[in-house]
Amino acid sequence: MGKYCQICKKGLMSGNNVSHSKRRTRRVWAPNTQRVRVVVNGTTCHMNVCTRCLRSGKVQRAQ
């Protein structure tokens, strides 16, 4: 699943689009996830990580 952070478990959220006339249709909000190379237990692997975890330093990116 591409829109899922493997660090903080953040995923899709659902809700409503509300038009000016107050009609409601379903929609989803997806986190901004990036597929990056990270160091886990001394080895590098690819993970889907949200940009909030990347910015806060919860993962160490591979060089």
N, C-alpha and C. Protein backbone atom coordinates (compact mmCIF):
# COMPACT_ATOMS: atom_id res chain seq x y z
N MET A 1 0.85 -1.17 0.00
CA MET A 1 0.00 0.00 0.00
C MET A 1 0.89 1.23 0.00
N GLY A 2 0.76 2.08 -0.98
CA GLY A 2 1.66 3.21 -1.14
C GLY A 2 1.36 4.37 -0.20
N LYS A 3 0.12 4.60 0.15
CA LYS A 3 -0.23 5.75 0.98
C LYS A 3 -0.36 5.33 2.44
N TYR A 4 0.74 4.80 2.99
CA TYR A 4 0.76 4.29 4.35
C TYR A 4 2.18 4.43 4.87
N CYS A 5 2.36 5.09 6.01
CA CYS A 5 3.69 5.27 6.59
C CYS A 5 4.04 4.05 7.42
N GLN A 6 5.17 3.43 7.13
CA GLN A 6 5.58 2.23 7.83
C GLN A 6 6.25 2.55 9.16
N ILE A 7 6.44 3.82 9.50
CA ILE A 7 7.03 4.20 10.77
C ILE A 7 5.95 4.56 11.78
N CYS A 8 5.11 5.52 11.45
CA CYS A 8 4.10 5.99 12.41
C CYS A 8 2.71 5.40 12.15
N LYS A 9 2.58 4.54 11.15
CA LYS A 9 1.32 3.86 10.81
C LYS A 9 0.22 4.82 10.35
N LYS A 10 0.60 5.99 9.85
CA LYS A 10 -0.38 6.94 9.34
C LYS A 10 -0.89 6.44 8.00
N GLY A 11 -2.21 6.48 7.80
CA GLY A 11 -2.79 5.98 6.57
C GLY A 11 -3.87 6.91 6.05
N LEU A 12 -4.73 6.38 5.19
CA LEU A 12 -5.79 7.16 4.58
C LEU A 12 -6.84 7.55 5.62
N MET A 13 -7.38 8.76 5.47
CA MET A 13 -8.51 9.20 6.28
C MET A 13 -9.64 9.54 5.32
N SER A 14 -10.88 9.29 5.74
CA SER A 14 -12.01 9.54 4.87
C SER A 14 -12.91 10.60 5.48
N GLY A 15 -13.68 11.24 4.62
CA GLY A 15 -14.60 12.27 5.07
C GLY A 15 -15.49 12.69 3.92
N ASN A 16 -15.96 13.92 3.99
CA ASN A 16 -16.90 14.42 3.00
C ASN A 16 -16.35 15.65 2.29
N ASN A 17 -16.59 15.74 0.98
CA ASN A 17 -16.51 17.00 0.28
C ASN A 17 -17.83 17.71 0.54
N VAL A 18 -17.77 18.96 0.94
CA VAL A 18 -19.00 19.71 1.18
C VAL A 18 -19.02 20.88 0.22
N SER A 19 -20.01 20.89 -0.67
CA SER A 19 -20.11 21.96 -1.66
C SER A 19 -20.77 23.18 -1.04
N HIS A 20 -20.86 24.23 -1.83
CA HIS A 20 -21.48 25.46 -1.35
C HIS A 20 -22.94 25.25 -0.97
N SER A 21 -23.60 24.32 -1.67
CA SER A 21 -25.01 24.04 -1.37
C SER A 21 -25.15 22.95 -0.31
N LYS A 22 -24.07 22.61 0.35
CA LYS A 22 -24.02 21.64 1.46
C LYS A 22 -24.26 20.19 1.04
N ARG A 23 -24.14 19.89 -0.26
CA ARG A 23 -24.19 18.49 -0.67
C ARG A 23 -22.90 17.81 -0.23
N ARG A 24 -23.00 16.56 0.17
CA ARG A 24 -21.84 15.84 0.67
C ARG A 24 -21.53 14.63 -0.20
N THR A 25 -20.28 14.53 -0.63
CA THR A 25 -19.80 13.35 -1.34
C THR A 25 -18.54 12.88 -0.64
N ARG A 26 -18.29 11.59 -0.68
CA ARG A 26 -17.18 11.01 0.05
C ARG A 26 -15.85 11.34 -0.63
N ARG A 27 -14.80 11.49 0.18
CA ARG A 27 -13.45 11.73 -0.33
C ARG A 27 -12.45 11.16 0.67
N VAL A 28 -11.19 11.10 0.25
CA VAL A 28 -10.14 10.59 1.14
C VAL A 28 -9.00 11.60 1.20
N TRP A 29 -8.31 11.63 2.33
CA TRP A 29 -7.08 12.38 2.51
C TRP A 29 -5.96 11.38 2.66
N ALA A 30 -4.90 11.58 1.90
CA ALA A 30 -3.76 10.66 1.95
C ALA A 30 -2.55 11.39 2.51
N PRO A 31 -1.74 10.72 3.34
CA PRO A 31 -0.52 11.36 3.83
C PRO A 31 0.51 11.47 2.71
N ASN A 32 1.41 12.41 2.84
CA ASN A 32 2.46 12.62 1.86
C ASN A 32 3.57 11.61 2.14
N THR A 33 3.55 10.48 1.46
CA THR A 33 4.53 9.43 1.70
C THR A 33 5.54 9.39 0.57
N GLN A 34 6.76 9.07 0.92
CA GLN A 34 7.85 8.96 -0.04
C GLN A 34 8.48 7.58 0.12
N ARG A 35 8.87 6.98 -0.99
CA ARG A 35 9.58 5.70 -0.94
C ARG A 35 11.07 6.02 -0.89
N VAL A 36 11.69 5.80 0.27
CA VAL A 36 13.08 6.19 0.49
C VAL A 36 13.88 4.98 0.97
N ARG A 37 15.20 5.07 0.77
CA ARG A 37 16.11 4.06 1.30
C ARG A 37 16.48 4.47 2.71
N VAL A 38 16.25 3.58 3.67
CA VAL A 38 16.55 3.86 5.06
C VAL A 38 17.45 2.77 5.63
N VAL A 39 18.13 3.11 6.71
CA VAL A 39 19.00 2.15 7.39
C VAL A 39 18.22 1.54 8.55
N VAL A 40 18.05 0.21 8.52
CA VAL A 40 17.35 -0.51 9.59
C VAL A 40 18.26 -1.64 10.05
N ASN A 41 18.69 -1.60 11.29
CA ASN A 41 19.57 -2.62 11.88
C ASN A 41 20.85 -2.81 11.08
N GLY A 42 21.40 -1.72 10.58
CA GLY A 42 22.65 -1.77 9.84
C GLY A 42 22.52 -2.12 8.37
N THR A 43 21.33 -2.45 7.90
CA THR A 43 21.12 -2.77 6.49
C THR A 43 20.19 -1.73 5.88
N THR A 44 20.31 -1.54 4.57
CA THR A 44 19.45 -0.58 3.89
C THR A 44 18.28 -1.30 3.26
N CYS A 45 17.13 -0.66 3.29
CA CYS A 45 15.94 -1.20 2.65
C CYS A 45 15.05 -0.04 2.24
N HIS A 46 14.11 -0.31 1.37
CA HIS A 46 13.15 0.70 0.92
C HIS A 46 11.93 0.66 1.83
N MET A 47 11.47 1.83 2.22
CA MET A 47 10.26 1.93 3.04
C MET A 47 9.43 3.10 2.56
N ASN A 48 8.12 3.00 2.77
CA ASN A 48 7.22 4.13 2.54
C ASN A 48 7.13 4.91 3.84
N VAL A 49 7.63 6.16 3.82
CA VAL A 49 7.72 6.97 5.03
C VAL A 49 7.05 8.31 4.75
N CYS A 50 6.25 8.80 5.70
CA CYS A 50 5.64 10.11 5.52
C CYS A 50 6.67 11.21 5.74
N THR A 51 6.42 12.36 5.17
CA THR A 51 7.38 13.45 5.25
C THR A 51 7.50 13.99 6.67
N ARG A 52 6.50 13.83 7.50
CA ARG A 52 6.60 14.25 8.89
C ARG A 52 7.65 13.43 9.63
N CYS A 53 7.70 12.12 9.37
CA CYS A 53 8.72 11.27 10.00
C CYS A 53 10.11 11.56 9.45
N LEU A 54 10.20 11.86 8.16
CA LEU A 54 11.50 12.21 7.57
C LEU A 54 12.02 13.51 8.17
N ARG A 55 11.16 14.50 8.32
CA ARG A 55 11.57 15.80 8.80
C ARG A 55 11.95 15.77 10.28
N SER A 56 11.24 14.95 11.06
CA SER A 56 11.51 14.91 12.50
C SER A 56 12.67 13.99 12.85
N GLY A 57 13.21 13.27 11.87
CA GLY A 57 14.38 12.44 12.12
C GLY A 57 14.07 11.09 12.73
N LYS A 58 12.87 10.56 12.53
CA LYS A 58 12.52 9.25 13.07
C LYS A 58 13.17 8.11 12.32
N VAL A 59 13.66 8.39 11.10
CA VAL A 59 14.36 7.38 10.30
C VAL A 59 15.71 7.96 9.86
N GLN A 60 16.65 7.07 9.64
CA GLN A 60 17.94 7.49 9.15
C GLN A 60 18.04 7.09 7.69
N ARG A 61 18.18 8.09 6.80
CA ARG A 61 18.25 7.82 5.37
C ARG A 61 19.59 7.24 5.01
N ALA A 62 19.60 6.34 4.04
CA ALA A 62 20.84 5.74 3.54
C ALA A 62 21.52 6.70 2.59
N GLN A 63 22.83 6.71 2.59
CA GLN A 63 23.59 7.60 1.72
C GLN A 63 23.78 7.02 0.36
